[in-house]
Amino acid sequence: MAYLEAIHGPDEGCFLCHVAEHVEDDEGNHVLARTPRAFVVLNAYPYNPGHLMIATTRHVGELEELDREELAEGSTLQQRSIRALKDAAGPDGFNVGLNLGRVAGAGVPGHLHWHVIPRWNGDTNFVTAVGETRVLPELLADTYAKLRSAFGSS
């Protein structure tokens, strides 16, 4: 709730750039892994426990503007994320993708990021469908602790 209640205005800047720049606070920012050109961070508003985002370190919003190294490191981190989630949480499947442009659902259209969302059989329920509310059975800090260990071994 502290995160949800915090003020997030337009003057705050790009939160992904903030996370990219503040390597010294990876735990506080829920960063699970880094390469020189990309990083993995827990989504602060997850669809499911373990919902990750893989973002480029460089502030770029268009897929076709990425260089080969950024694409390669993003893909490698996607594989590593799926492996860690399988090891730590045993999901039945995954949704993996990009939302390119605000009309496509991009919450941060100026900073490219992939979503990796673990899925389990039966992980949707009436509250999500009828109440337009998400119910998450685990705190972000607990998910981070589990996944941090799994990323260390992947």
Foldseek 3Di string as FASTA:
>chain_A
DVVVPDDDDPVPPDVLLVQLPPPVPCLVQQWQDDDPFKTKHADPDALAQLKIKIWTNDQAQDPVPDDPVNVVVSVVVVVLSVQLCCVQPNAPDWDKAWQADVVSPDPRRRTTMMIIHGHHVPLDDPCVVPVVDGDYPDDNSVSSVSSSVSSVVD
